[in-house]
N, C-alpha and C. Protein backbone atom coordinates (compact mmCIF):
# COMPACT_ATOMS: atom_id res chain seq x y z
N UNK A 1 253.36 169.26 -26.03
CA UNK A 1 253.55 170.45 -26.85
C UNK A 1 254.60 170.19 -27.91
N UNK A 2 254.49 170.96 -29.02
CA UNK A 2 255.47 170.84 -30.10
C UNK A 2 256.43 172.01 -30.01
N UNK A 3 257.71 171.72 -30.19
CA UNK A 3 258.71 172.78 -30.22
C UNK A 3 259.82 172.38 -31.16
N UNK A 4 260.48 173.36 -31.75
CA UNK A 4 261.59 173.09 -32.66
C UNK A 4 262.67 174.12 -32.39
N UNK A 5 263.91 173.70 -32.57
CA UNK A 5 265.04 174.59 -32.35
C UNK A 5 266.08 174.34 -33.42
N UNK A 6 266.80 175.35 -33.81
CA UNK A 6 267.87 175.22 -34.79
C UNK A 6 269.20 175.55 -34.16
N UNK A 7 270.20 174.75 -34.50
CA UNK A 7 271.57 175.00 -34.04
C UNK A 7 272.43 175.18 -35.27
N UNK A 8 273.09 176.30 -35.40
CA UNK A 8 273.86 176.59 -36.61
C UNK A 8 275.33 176.25 -36.43
N UNK A 9 275.96 175.88 -37.55
CA UNK A 9 277.39 175.62 -37.58
C UNK A 9 278.03 176.60 -38.55
N UNK A 10 279.36 176.85 -38.46
CA UNK A 10 280.00 177.81 -39.36
C UNK A 10 279.82 177.42 -40.82
N UNK A 11 279.64 178.45 -41.67
CA UNK A 11 279.48 178.21 -43.10
C UNK A 11 280.67 178.81 -43.83
N UNK A 12 280.52 179.08 -45.13
CA UNK A 12 281.64 179.57 -45.93
C UNK A 12 282.00 181.00 -45.57
N UNK A 13 283.20 181.37 -45.93
CA UNK A 13 283.71 182.71 -45.64
C UNK A 13 283.90 183.54 -46.91
N UNK A 14 283.21 183.20 -47.99
CA UNK A 14 283.43 183.86 -49.28
C UNK A 14 282.66 185.15 -49.43
N UNK A 15 281.86 185.52 -48.47
CA UNK A 15 281.06 186.73 -48.58
C UNK A 15 279.67 186.47 -49.10
N UNK A 16 279.39 185.26 -49.53
CA UNK A 16 278.05 184.93 -49.97
C UNK A 16 277.12 184.89 -48.76
N UNK A 17 275.84 184.96 -49.07
CA UNK A 17 274.85 184.93 -47.99
C UNK A 17 275.03 183.65 -47.19
N UNK A 18 275.07 183.80 -45.89
CA UNK A 18 275.31 182.65 -45.01
C UNK A 18 273.97 182.12 -44.49
N UNK A 19 273.75 180.82 -44.64
CA UNK A 19 272.55 180.16 -44.16
C UNK A 19 272.85 179.53 -42.81
N UNK A 20 272.23 180.06 -41.78
CA UNK A 20 272.43 179.54 -40.43
C UNK A 20 271.18 178.83 -39.90
N UNK A 21 270.23 178.58 -40.78
CA UNK A 21 268.95 178.01 -40.34
C UNK A 21 268.91 176.52 -40.69
N UNK A 22 268.61 175.72 -39.71
CA UNK A 22 268.48 174.29 -39.93
C UNK A 22 267.16 173.93 -40.58
N UNK A 23 266.99 172.67 -40.96
CA UNK A 23 265.76 172.23 -41.62
C UNK A 23 264.54 172.44 -40.72
N UNK A 24 263.40 172.66 -41.37
CA UNK A 24 262.13 172.79 -40.64
C UNK A 24 261.52 171.39 -40.51
N UNK A 25 261.26 170.95 -39.28
CA UNK A 25 260.74 169.62 -39.01
C UNK A 25 259.27 169.73 -38.60
N UNK A 26 258.44 168.88 -39.18
CA UNK A 26 257.01 168.84 -38.84
C UNK A 26 256.60 167.41 -38.53
N UNK A 27 255.98 167.21 -37.37
CA UNK A 27 255.44 165.89 -37.04
C UNK A 27 254.11 165.68 -37.77
N UNK A 28 253.97 164.51 -38.39
CA UNK A 28 252.72 164.16 -39.06
C UNK A 28 251.80 163.41 -38.11
N UNK A 29 252.34 162.39 -37.46
CA UNK A 29 251.64 161.64 -36.41
C UNK A 29 252.66 161.27 -35.34
N UNK A 30 252.22 161.17 -34.08
CA UNK A 30 250.88 161.45 -33.57
C UNK A 30 250.67 162.95 -33.38
N UNK A 31 249.53 163.34 -32.84
CA UNK A 31 249.28 164.75 -32.57
C UNK A 31 249.78 165.10 -31.18
N UNK A 32 250.12 166.34 -30.99
CA UNK A 32 250.64 166.80 -29.70
C UNK A 32 249.62 166.59 -28.60
N UNK A 33 250.07 166.03 -27.48
CA UNK A 33 249.20 165.84 -26.33
C UNK A 33 248.32 164.60 -26.38
N UNK A 34 248.41 163.82 -27.46
CA UNK A 34 247.54 162.66 -27.59
C UNK A 34 248.01 161.53 -26.69
N UNK A 35 247.09 160.60 -26.38
CA UNK A 35 247.43 159.42 -25.61
C UNK A 35 247.77 158.30 -26.59
N UNK A 36 248.83 157.54 -26.26
CA UNK A 36 249.31 156.47 -27.14
C UNK A 36 249.46 155.20 -26.31
N UNK A 37 249.40 154.06 -27.00
CA UNK A 37 249.61 152.79 -26.31
C UNK A 37 250.08 151.75 -27.31
N UNK A 38 250.58 150.63 -26.77
CA UNK A 38 251.07 149.56 -27.63
C UNK A 38 252.19 150.05 -28.54
N UNK A 39 252.22 149.55 -29.76
CA UNK A 39 253.15 150.04 -30.78
C UNK A 39 252.43 151.11 -31.59
N UNK A 40 252.92 152.34 -31.55
CA UNK A 40 252.25 153.42 -32.27
C UNK A 40 253.19 154.05 -33.29
N UNK A 41 252.59 154.55 -34.37
CA UNK A 41 253.35 155.13 -35.48
C UNK A 41 253.81 156.55 -35.17
N UNK A 42 255.01 156.84 -35.63
CA UNK A 42 255.55 158.20 -35.58
C UNK A 42 256.05 158.54 -36.98
N UNK A 43 255.66 159.71 -37.47
CA UNK A 43 256.12 160.15 -38.80
C UNK A 43 256.40 161.65 -38.76
N UNK A 44 257.45 162.06 -39.47
CA UNK A 44 257.83 163.47 -39.52
C UNK A 44 258.40 163.79 -40.89
N UNK A 45 258.32 165.06 -41.26
CA UNK A 45 258.90 165.54 -42.51
C UNK A 45 259.85 166.69 -42.20
N UNK A 46 260.77 166.94 -43.13
CA UNK A 46 261.70 168.05 -42.98
C UNK A 46 261.89 168.73 -44.34
N UNK A 47 262.02 170.03 -44.31
CA UNK A 47 262.30 170.81 -45.53
C UNK A 47 263.40 171.82 -45.23
N UNK A 48 264.14 172.18 -46.29
CA UNK A 48 265.25 173.11 -46.10
C UNK A 48 265.59 173.77 -47.45
N UNK A 49 266.26 174.93 -47.39
CA UNK A 49 266.69 175.58 -48.62
C UNK A 49 267.82 174.83 -49.30
N UNK A 50 268.54 174.01 -48.53
CA UNK A 50 269.62 173.19 -49.07
C UNK A 50 269.28 171.71 -48.87
N UNK A 51 270.06 170.87 -49.47
CA UNK A 51 269.80 169.43 -49.35
C UNK A 51 269.87 168.99 -47.89
N UNK A 52 268.97 168.09 -47.54
CA UNK A 52 268.96 167.50 -46.20
C UNK A 52 269.78 166.21 -46.26
N UNK A 53 270.75 166.11 -45.37
CA UNK A 53 271.64 164.95 -45.39
C UNK A 53 271.34 163.95 -44.29
N UNK A 54 270.52 164.34 -43.30
CA UNK A 54 270.21 163.42 -42.22
C UNK A 54 268.87 163.81 -41.58
N UNK A 55 268.05 162.79 -41.29
CA UNK A 55 266.81 162.97 -40.54
C UNK A 55 266.64 161.70 -39.71
N UNK A 56 266.62 161.86 -38.38
CA UNK A 56 266.63 160.66 -37.53
C UNK A 56 265.94 160.92 -36.21
N UNK A 57 265.57 159.81 -35.56
CA UNK A 57 265.05 159.88 -34.19
C UNK A 57 266.23 160.03 -33.23
N UNK A 58 266.07 160.89 -32.23
CA UNK A 58 267.11 161.03 -31.22
C UNK A 58 267.18 159.77 -30.38
N UNK A 59 268.35 159.53 -29.80
CA UNK A 59 268.57 158.31 -29.03
C UNK A 59 267.66 158.20 -27.82
N UNK A 60 267.20 159.34 -27.26
CA UNK A 60 266.38 159.30 -26.05
C UNK A 60 264.89 159.25 -26.35
N UNK A 61 264.53 159.01 -27.61
CA UNK A 61 263.10 158.91 -27.95
C UNK A 61 262.50 157.62 -27.42
N UNK A 62 263.29 156.58 -27.28
CA UNK A 62 262.77 155.29 -26.85
C UNK A 62 263.06 154.24 -27.90
N UNK A 63 262.46 153.08 -27.74
CA UNK A 63 262.68 151.97 -28.67
C UNK A 63 261.81 152.18 -29.92
N UNK A 64 262.46 152.46 -31.05
CA UNK A 64 261.75 152.72 -32.31
C UNK A 64 262.09 151.61 -33.30
N UNK A 65 261.06 150.90 -33.75
CA UNK A 65 261.25 149.81 -34.71
C UNK A 65 260.81 150.27 -36.10
N UNK A 66 261.17 149.48 -37.11
CA UNK A 66 260.76 149.73 -38.51
C UNK A 66 261.09 151.16 -38.94
N UNK A 67 262.29 151.61 -38.61
CA UNK A 67 262.69 152.97 -39.00
C UNK A 67 262.87 153.05 -40.51
N UNK A 68 262.36 154.13 -41.08
CA UNK A 68 262.49 154.33 -42.52
C UNK A 68 262.69 155.82 -42.79
N UNK A 69 263.77 156.15 -43.50
CA UNK A 69 264.04 157.54 -43.84
C UNK A 69 264.23 157.67 -45.33
N UNK A 70 263.67 158.72 -45.90
CA UNK A 70 263.79 158.99 -47.33
C UNK A 70 264.29 160.42 -47.51
N UNK A 71 265.52 160.56 -48.03
CA UNK A 71 266.11 161.87 -48.30
C UNK A 71 265.94 162.19 -49.77
N UNK A 72 265.26 163.30 -50.07
CA UNK A 72 264.99 163.69 -51.46
C UNK A 72 265.37 165.15 -51.67
N UNK A 73 266.67 165.42 -51.67
CA UNK A 73 267.14 166.79 -51.88
C UNK A 73 266.77 167.67 -50.71
N UNK A 74 265.94 168.66 -50.96
CA UNK A 74 265.59 169.62 -49.91
C UNK A 74 264.42 169.16 -49.03
N UNK A 75 263.91 167.97 -49.26
CA UNK A 75 262.85 167.41 -48.41
C UNK A 75 263.27 166.04 -47.90
N UNK A 76 262.65 165.61 -46.82
CA UNK A 76 262.94 164.29 -46.25
C UNK A 76 261.75 163.83 -45.43
N UNK A 77 261.57 162.53 -45.35
CA UNK A 77 260.51 161.95 -44.52
C UNK A 77 261.11 160.89 -43.61
N UNK A 78 260.52 160.73 -42.45
CA UNK A 78 260.98 159.77 -41.45
C UNK A 78 259.78 159.10 -40.82
N UNK A 79 259.85 157.79 -40.63
CA UNK A 79 258.76 157.07 -39.98
C UNK A 79 259.32 155.94 -39.14
N UNK A 80 258.51 155.47 -38.21
CA UNK A 80 258.90 154.36 -37.35
C UNK A 80 257.76 154.01 -36.41
N UNK A 81 257.95 152.96 -35.61
CA UNK A 81 256.96 152.53 -34.64
C UNK A 81 257.63 152.49 -33.26
N UNK A 82 257.06 153.26 -32.34
CA UNK A 82 257.57 153.30 -30.98
C UNK A 82 256.90 152.20 -30.18
N UNK A 83 257.70 151.39 -29.49
CA UNK A 83 257.19 150.28 -28.70
C UNK A 83 256.98 150.75 -27.27
N UNK A 84 255.78 151.29 -27.02
CA UNK A 84 255.53 151.95 -25.74
C UNK A 84 255.35 150.98 -24.59
N UNK A 85 255.15 149.69 -24.88
CA UNK A 85 254.99 148.73 -23.78
C UNK A 85 256.27 148.61 -22.96
N UNK A 86 257.39 149.05 -23.53
CA UNK A 86 258.65 149.02 -22.80
C UNK A 86 258.86 150.28 -21.97
N UNK A 87 257.90 151.20 -22.02
CA UNK A 87 258.03 152.48 -21.34
C UNK A 87 257.05 152.55 -20.18
N UNK A 88 257.30 153.45 -19.24
CA UNK A 88 256.38 153.69 -18.15
C UNK A 88 255.21 154.53 -18.64
N UNK A 89 254.03 154.29 -18.07
CA UNK A 89 252.89 155.14 -18.38
C UNK A 89 253.18 156.57 -17.93
N UNK A 90 252.72 157.54 -18.72
CA UNK A 90 252.92 158.94 -18.38
C UNK A 90 253.49 159.71 -19.56
N UNK A 91 253.99 160.91 -19.33
CA UNK A 91 254.49 161.77 -20.41
C UNK A 91 255.67 161.15 -21.16
N UNK A 92 255.69 161.34 -22.46
CA UNK A 92 256.80 160.89 -23.31
C UNK A 92 257.10 161.98 -24.33
N UNK A 93 258.37 162.31 -24.47
CA UNK A 93 258.78 163.31 -25.46
C UNK A 93 259.45 162.62 -26.64
N UNK A 94 258.85 162.80 -27.81
CA UNK A 94 259.44 162.29 -29.06
C UNK A 94 260.37 163.37 -29.61
N UNK A 95 261.55 162.96 -30.08
CA UNK A 95 262.53 163.94 -30.54
C UNK A 95 263.11 163.49 -31.89
N UNK A 96 263.13 164.43 -32.84
CA UNK A 96 263.67 164.18 -34.18
C UNK A 96 264.72 165.24 -34.49
N UNK A 97 265.83 164.80 -35.12
CA UNK A 97 266.91 165.70 -35.49
C UNK A 97 267.12 165.68 -37.01
N UNK A 98 267.40 166.84 -37.59
CA UNK A 98 267.67 166.95 -39.03
C UNK A 98 268.90 167.81 -39.25
N UNK A 99 269.67 167.44 -40.28
CA UNK A 99 270.90 168.18 -40.62
C UNK A 99 270.89 168.46 -42.11
N UNK A 100 271.23 169.70 -42.49
CA UNK A 100 271.29 170.02 -43.92
C UNK A 100 272.74 169.96 -44.41
N UNK A 101 272.93 170.26 -45.69
CA UNK A 101 274.25 170.12 -46.32
C UNK A 101 275.27 171.12 -45.77
N UNK A 102 274.78 172.17 -45.11
CA UNK A 102 275.68 173.16 -44.53
C UNK A 102 275.94 172.87 -43.05
N UNK A 103 275.56 171.67 -42.61
CA UNK A 103 275.72 171.19 -41.23
C UNK A 103 274.87 171.95 -40.22
N UNK A 104 273.85 172.68 -40.69
CA UNK A 104 272.90 173.26 -39.75
C UNK A 104 272.01 172.14 -39.20
N UNK A 105 271.80 172.15 -37.90
CA UNK A 105 271.05 171.09 -37.23
C UNK A 105 269.78 171.66 -36.61
N UNK A 106 268.69 170.95 -36.80
CA UNK A 106 267.43 171.29 -36.15
C UNK A 106 266.96 170.14 -35.29
N UNK A 107 266.29 170.47 -34.19
CA UNK A 107 265.70 169.47 -33.30
C UNK A 107 264.25 169.84 -33.06
N UNK A 108 263.35 168.86 -33.23
CA UNK A 108 261.93 169.08 -32.97
C UNK A 108 261.45 168.06 -31.95
N UNK A 109 260.57 168.49 -31.04
CA UNK A 109 260.04 167.59 -30.02
C UNK A 109 258.52 167.61 -30.05
N UNK A 110 257.94 166.49 -29.62
CA UNK A 110 256.49 166.37 -29.55
C UNK A 110 256.15 165.58 -28.28
N UNK A 111 255.28 166.14 -27.45
CA UNK A 111 254.92 165.49 -26.19
C UNK A 111 253.62 164.71 -26.33
N UNK A 112 253.64 163.45 -25.91
CA UNK A 112 252.45 162.60 -25.88
C UNK A 112 252.37 161.96 -24.50
N UNK A 113 251.30 161.21 -24.26
CA UNK A 113 251.10 160.53 -22.98
C UNK A 113 250.92 159.04 -23.24
N UNK A 114 251.78 158.22 -22.63
CA UNK A 114 251.70 156.77 -22.77
C UNK A 114 250.65 156.23 -21.80
N UNK A 115 249.73 155.42 -22.32
CA UNK A 115 248.72 154.78 -21.47
C UNK A 115 248.55 153.34 -21.91
N UNK A 116 249.19 152.43 -21.18
CA UNK A 116 249.04 151.00 -21.44
C UNK A 116 248.28 150.28 -20.33
N UNK A 117 247.66 151.06 -19.46
CA UNK A 117 246.93 150.46 -18.35
C UNK A 117 245.57 149.97 -18.82
N UNK A 118 245.31 148.69 -18.65
CA UNK A 118 244.04 148.09 -19.05
C UNK A 118 243.01 148.27 -17.94
N UNK A 119 241.72 148.18 -18.28
CA UNK A 119 240.68 148.30 -17.25
C UNK A 119 240.79 147.20 -16.20
N UNK A 120 240.27 147.48 -15.02
CA UNK A 120 240.19 146.47 -13.96
C UNK A 120 238.76 145.96 -13.89
N UNK A 121 238.61 144.64 -13.96
CA UNK A 121 237.28 144.01 -13.94
C UNK A 121 237.05 143.38 -12.58
N UNK A 122 235.90 143.67 -11.99
CA UNK A 122 235.51 143.06 -10.71
C UNK A 122 234.20 142.30 -10.94
N UNK A 123 234.24 141.00 -10.70
CA UNK A 123 233.05 140.16 -10.81
C UNK A 123 232.48 139.97 -9.41
N UNK A 124 231.34 140.62 -9.16
CA UNK A 124 230.75 140.57 -7.82
C UNK A 124 230.10 139.23 -7.54
N UNK A 125 229.33 138.75 -8.48
CA UNK A 125 228.69 137.44 -8.36
C UNK A 125 228.62 136.77 -9.72
N UNK A 126 228.85 135.44 -9.77
CA UNK A 126 229.25 134.57 -8.66
C UNK A 126 230.74 134.73 -8.37
N UNK A 127 231.19 134.12 -7.29
CA UNK A 127 232.61 134.19 -6.93
C UNK A 127 233.30 132.91 -7.41
N UNK A 128 234.60 133.02 -7.62
CA UNK A 128 235.36 131.87 -8.12
C UNK A 128 235.25 130.69 -7.17
N UNK A 129 235.03 129.51 -7.74
CA UNK A 129 234.98 128.29 -6.96
C UNK A 129 233.65 128.00 -6.30
N UNK A 130 232.67 128.90 -6.45
CA UNK A 130 231.39 128.68 -5.78
C UNK A 130 230.56 127.62 -6.50
N UNK A 131 229.65 127.00 -5.75
CA UNK A 131 228.68 126.07 -6.33
C UNK A 131 227.41 126.85 -6.65
N UNK A 132 226.92 126.68 -7.86
CA UNK A 132 225.75 127.44 -8.27
C UNK A 132 224.68 126.48 -8.81
N UNK A 133 223.43 126.97 -8.77
CA UNK A 133 222.32 126.18 -9.27
C UNK A 133 221.16 127.14 -9.57
N UNK A 134 220.16 126.62 -10.29
CA UNK A 134 218.97 127.39 -10.62
C UNK A 134 219.35 128.65 -11.41
N UNK A 135 218.72 129.78 -11.12
CA UNK A 135 219.00 131.03 -11.83
C UNK A 135 220.00 131.85 -11.02
N UNK A 136 221.13 132.17 -11.65
CA UNK A 136 222.22 132.86 -10.96
C UNK A 136 222.37 134.27 -11.54
N UNK A 137 222.53 135.24 -10.66
CA UNK A 137 222.78 136.61 -11.09
C UNK A 137 224.26 136.79 -11.39
N UNK A 138 224.58 137.25 -12.60
CA UNK A 138 225.95 137.62 -12.97
C UNK A 138 226.06 139.13 -12.91
N UNK A 139 226.94 139.63 -12.06
CA UNK A 139 227.09 141.08 -11.88
C UNK A 139 228.56 141.44 -11.89
N UNK A 140 228.96 142.36 -12.78
CA UNK A 140 230.37 142.75 -12.89
C UNK A 140 230.48 144.24 -13.22
N UNK A 141 231.62 144.82 -12.84
CA UNK A 141 231.92 146.21 -13.17
C UNK A 141 233.36 146.32 -13.67
N UNK A 142 233.63 147.38 -14.40
CA UNK A 142 234.99 147.66 -14.88
C UNK A 142 235.31 149.12 -14.61
N UNK A 143 236.58 149.39 -14.26
CA UNK A 143 237.02 150.76 -14.01
C UNK A 143 238.32 151.02 -14.75
N UNK A 144 238.53 152.27 -15.13
CA UNK A 144 239.75 152.68 -15.82
C UNK A 144 239.90 154.20 -15.69
N UNK A 145 241.12 154.70 -15.45
CA UNK A 145 241.31 156.15 -15.31
C UNK A 145 240.86 156.94 -16.53
N UNK A 146 240.97 156.36 -17.73
CA UNK A 146 240.61 157.08 -18.95
C UNK A 146 239.18 156.82 -19.39
N UNK A 147 238.47 155.98 -18.66
CA UNK A 147 237.09 155.67 -19.01
C UNK A 147 236.96 154.31 -19.68
N UNK A 148 235.87 153.62 -19.38
CA UNK A 148 235.61 152.30 -19.93
C UNK A 148 234.74 152.43 -21.17
N UNK A 149 235.21 151.85 -22.27
CA UNK A 149 234.44 151.89 -23.52
C UNK A 149 233.43 150.76 -23.59
N UNK A 150 233.82 149.59 -23.04
CA UNK A 150 232.90 148.44 -23.11
C UNK A 150 233.27 147.40 -22.06
N UNK A 151 232.25 146.69 -21.60
CA UNK A 151 232.40 145.52 -20.74
C UNK A 151 231.43 144.47 -21.26
N UNK A 152 231.97 143.32 -21.69
CA UNK A 152 231.16 142.32 -22.38
C UNK A 152 231.33 140.96 -21.71
N UNK A 153 230.24 140.24 -21.55
CA UNK A 153 230.28 138.87 -21.05
C UNK A 153 230.50 137.94 -22.22
N UNK A 154 231.65 137.24 -22.23
CA UNK A 154 231.98 136.32 -23.30
C UNK A 154 231.46 134.90 -23.05
N UNK A 155 231.59 134.46 -21.80
CA UNK A 155 231.10 133.12 -21.42
C UNK A 155 230.44 133.20 -20.06
N UNK A 156 229.26 132.57 -19.89
CA UNK A 156 228.49 131.83 -20.89
C UNK A 156 227.91 132.77 -21.95
N UNK A 157 227.75 132.25 -23.15
CA UNK A 157 227.26 133.07 -24.25
C UNK A 157 225.73 133.06 -24.31
N UNK A 158 225.20 134.02 -25.05
CA UNK A 158 223.77 134.06 -25.30
C UNK A 158 222.94 134.73 -24.23
N UNK A 159 223.57 135.29 -23.18
CA UNK A 159 222.82 135.97 -22.13
C UNK A 159 222.66 137.45 -22.46
N UNK A 160 221.56 138.02 -22.05
CA UNK A 160 221.25 139.43 -22.35
C UNK A 160 221.67 140.30 -21.18
N UNK A 161 222.47 141.31 -21.47
CA UNK A 161 222.90 142.26 -20.44
C UNK A 161 221.74 143.21 -20.13
N UNK A 162 221.32 143.23 -18.88
CA UNK A 162 220.18 144.06 -18.48
C UNK A 162 220.60 145.49 -18.13
N UNK A 163 221.89 145.77 -18.12
CA UNK A 163 222.39 147.11 -17.76
C UNK A 163 222.96 147.78 -19.00
N UNK A 164 222.49 148.97 -19.32
CA UNK A 164 222.91 149.67 -20.53
C UNK A 164 224.25 150.40 -20.38
N UNK A 165 224.77 150.49 -19.16
CA UNK A 165 226.02 151.22 -18.94
C UNK A 165 227.20 150.48 -19.56
N UNK A 166 228.18 151.24 -20.07
CA UNK A 166 229.37 150.64 -20.69
C UNK A 166 230.24 149.88 -19.70
N UNK A 167 230.18 150.27 -18.42
CA UNK A 167 231.12 149.72 -17.45
C UNK A 167 230.47 148.72 -16.49
N UNK A 168 229.26 148.24 -16.79
CA UNK A 168 228.59 147.28 -15.91
C UNK A 168 227.91 146.19 -16.73
N UNK A 169 227.83 145.01 -16.14
CA UNK A 169 227.08 143.89 -16.71
C UNK A 169 226.21 143.30 -15.62
N UNK A 170 224.92 143.19 -15.89
CA UNK A 170 223.99 142.48 -15.00
C UNK A 170 223.14 141.57 -15.88
N UNK A 171 223.19 140.29 -15.61
CA UNK A 171 222.40 139.34 -16.39
C UNK A 171 222.05 138.14 -15.52
N UNK A 172 221.21 137.29 -16.03
CA UNK A 172 220.72 136.16 -15.25
C UNK A 172 220.96 134.87 -16.02
N UNK A 173 221.60 133.93 -15.36
CA UNK A 173 222.05 132.69 -15.98
C UNK A 173 221.23 131.53 -15.43
N UNK A 174 220.43 130.92 -16.30
CA UNK A 174 219.62 129.77 -15.91
C UNK A 174 220.46 128.51 -16.07
N UNK A 175 221.00 128.03 -14.96
CA UNK A 175 221.89 126.87 -15.02
C UNK A 175 221.13 125.55 -15.13
N UNK A 176 219.80 125.60 -15.10
CA UNK A 176 219.04 124.35 -15.24
C UNK A 176 219.27 123.72 -16.60
N UNK A 177 219.65 124.55 -17.57
CA UNK A 177 219.88 124.03 -18.92
C UNK A 177 221.33 123.58 -19.13
N UNK A 178 222.15 123.68 -18.08
CA UNK A 178 223.56 123.33 -18.20
C UNK A 178 223.83 121.95 -17.58
N UNK A 179 224.95 121.38 -17.93
CA UNK A 179 225.38 120.14 -17.30
C UNK A 179 226.08 120.44 -15.99
N UNK A 180 225.96 119.52 -15.05
CA UNK A 180 226.71 119.66 -13.81
C UNK A 180 228.21 119.58 -14.09
N UNK A 181 228.97 120.31 -13.29
CA UNK A 181 230.42 120.30 -13.44
C UNK A 181 230.98 121.70 -13.55
N UNK A 182 232.27 121.79 -13.87
CA UNK A 182 232.97 123.07 -13.95
C UNK A 182 232.48 123.89 -15.14
N UNK A 183 232.32 125.19 -14.93
CA UNK A 183 231.93 126.11 -15.99
C UNK A 183 232.73 127.41 -15.84
N UNK A 184 232.99 128.06 -16.95
CA UNK A 184 233.80 129.28 -16.97
C UNK A 184 232.92 130.50 -17.16
N UNK A 185 233.16 131.52 -16.34
CA UNK A 185 232.56 132.84 -16.54
C UNK A 185 233.68 133.77 -16.97
N UNK A 186 233.53 134.38 -18.15
CA UNK A 186 234.60 135.21 -18.71
C UNK A 186 234.05 136.54 -19.19
N UNK A 187 234.74 137.62 -18.83
CA UNK A 187 234.37 138.97 -19.25
C UNK A 187 235.56 139.65 -19.90
N UNK A 188 235.26 140.57 -20.80
CA UNK A 188 236.30 141.34 -21.49
C UNK A 188 235.94 142.82 -21.45
N UNK A 189 236.92 143.65 -21.10
CA UNK A 189 236.71 145.10 -21.02
C UNK A 189 237.73 145.83 -21.87
N UNK A 190 237.34 146.98 -22.38
CA UNK A 190 238.24 147.84 -23.15
C UNK A 190 238.06 149.28 -22.68
N UNK A 191 239.18 150.03 -22.60
CA UNK A 191 239.07 151.44 -22.25
C UNK A 191 239.00 152.29 -23.50
N UNK A 192 238.91 153.58 -23.33
CA UNK A 192 238.74 154.48 -24.46
C UNK A 192 239.99 154.61 -25.32
N UNK A 193 241.13 154.09 -24.83
CA UNK A 193 242.36 154.10 -25.62
C UNK A 193 242.62 152.76 -26.30
N UNK A 194 241.70 151.81 -26.12
CA UNK A 194 241.84 150.51 -26.78
C UNK A 194 242.56 149.45 -25.96
N UNK A 195 242.97 149.77 -24.73
CA UNK A 195 243.57 148.75 -23.87
C UNK A 195 242.50 147.76 -23.43
N UNK A 196 242.82 146.47 -23.47
CA UNK A 196 241.84 145.43 -23.16
C UNK A 196 242.27 144.58 -21.98
N UNK A 197 241.29 144.07 -21.26
CA UNK A 197 241.53 143.18 -20.14
C UNK A 197 240.50 142.05 -20.18
N UNK A 198 240.91 140.88 -19.71
CA UNK A 198 240.02 139.72 -19.64
C UNK A 198 240.06 139.17 -18.22
N UNK A 199 238.90 138.85 -17.70
CA UNK A 199 238.81 138.19 -16.38
C UNK A 199 237.98 136.93 -16.53
N UNK A 200 238.49 135.82 -16.02
CA UNK A 200 237.78 134.55 -16.10
C UNK A 200 237.86 133.83 -14.77
N UNK A 201 236.75 133.24 -14.36
CA UNK A 201 236.72 132.42 -13.15
C UNK A 201 236.04 131.10 -13.48
N UNK A 202 236.25 130.12 -12.61
CA UNK A 202 235.61 128.81 -12.76
C UNK A 202 234.65 128.60 -11.60
N UNK A 203 233.42 128.21 -11.91
CA UNK A 203 232.42 127.87 -10.90
C UNK A 203 231.99 126.42 -11.10
N UNK A 204 231.25 125.90 -10.15
CA UNK A 204 230.78 124.52 -10.21
C UNK A 204 229.26 124.51 -10.28
N UNK A 205 228.74 124.05 -11.40
CA UNK A 205 227.29 123.90 -11.53
C UNK A 205 226.88 122.62 -10.81
N UNK A 206 226.00 122.74 -9.83
CA UNK A 206 225.58 121.61 -9.00
C UNK A 206 224.07 121.71 -8.82
N UNK A 207 223.33 121.26 -9.80
CA UNK A 207 221.88 121.45 -9.81
C UNK A 207 221.16 120.65 -8.73
N UNK A 208 221.68 119.46 -8.40
CA UNK A 208 221.03 118.63 -7.38
C UNK A 208 221.50 118.98 -5.98
N UNK A 209 222.77 119.34 -5.87
CA UNK A 209 223.31 119.65 -4.55
C UNK A 209 223.82 118.40 -3.86
N UNK A 210 224.77 118.54 -2.94
CA UNK A 210 225.36 117.38 -2.27
C UNK A 210 224.34 116.53 -1.53
N UNK A 211 223.38 117.18 -0.85
CA UNK A 211 222.40 116.43 -0.06
C UNK A 211 221.54 115.55 -0.94
N UNK A 212 221.10 116.09 -2.08
CA UNK A 212 220.25 115.32 -2.98
C UNK A 212 221.01 114.17 -3.60
N UNK A 213 222.30 114.39 -3.89
CA UNK A 213 223.09 113.35 -4.54
C UNK A 213 223.33 112.15 -3.63
N UNK A 214 223.30 112.38 -2.32
CA UNK A 214 223.50 111.28 -1.40
C UNK A 214 222.37 110.27 -1.46
N UNK A 215 221.19 110.70 -1.96
CA UNK A 215 220.04 109.83 -2.02
C UNK A 215 219.91 109.15 -3.38
N UNK A 216 220.80 109.46 -4.30
CA UNK A 216 220.77 108.83 -5.61
C UNK A 216 221.61 107.57 -5.55
N UNK A 217 220.99 106.40 -5.72
CA UNK A 217 221.71 105.13 -5.65
C UNK A 217 221.50 104.37 -6.94
N UNK A 218 222.52 103.74 -7.39
CA UNK A 218 222.45 102.93 -8.60
C UNK A 218 222.76 101.51 -8.21
N UNK A 219 221.81 100.58 -8.44
CA UNK A 219 222.02 99.19 -8.03
C UNK A 219 222.50 98.37 -9.21
N UNK A 220 223.40 97.43 -8.92
CA UNK A 220 223.94 96.55 -9.94
C UNK A 220 223.63 95.11 -9.51
N UNK A 221 222.64 94.45 -10.12
CA UNK A 221 222.31 93.09 -9.70
C UNK A 221 223.49 92.15 -9.89
N UNK A 222 223.65 91.27 -8.92
CA UNK A 222 224.73 90.28 -8.97
C UNK A 222 224.25 89.06 -9.70
N UNK A 223 225.01 88.61 -10.67
CA UNK A 223 224.62 87.44 -11.48
C UNK A 223 224.42 86.22 -10.60
N UNK A 224 223.23 85.60 -10.77
CA UNK A 224 222.94 84.39 -10.04
C UNK A 224 222.32 84.63 -8.70
N UNK A 225 222.12 85.94 -8.29
CA UNK A 225 221.54 86.19 -6.96
C UNK A 225 220.03 86.08 -7.00
């Protein structure tokens, strides 16, 4: 939620109209209640009947990089990037303070939700370290509290996903066209907030199998025999 409060300080005693209202602060980005992750932009503006002398992020807002403030008389702008990877997932309150020339102070807050949790990928088949041959079924799923936007098989390439769901992959890998030896199966998933995860395992392509290989002999004639 968005909220703003003004704190007034004593002004002149000359009988002139006394201004006890602090600057009006408006958040430009992000929007109230939105989910944020990684390094995200924060921007705010302030206006007042008198010159604004200060516009800043409060110390408890978190780690804010690339801070930039522009004071232009009765208006001011503030921007920065919050490094949410240093914060715990969950609610976060952004706080901005502004002060005018009469020392009236305003504070505005904006609540967002930090989500840096990446999807979890489970590769059902094949399993890491297994020996495979012929046509192998590749089956994987991804889960995430905010929803899975995509699950893609990166390696081996060129295989067609038979499942149309965003959070599942089912395809068939013909290893007859591959060389024997170690091979990598790699998947990449993304959630609806843009968090990404990669899972990779190594399998062993063994088209002949141990039993068949025992019968393969290579003879080397001895010179002069």
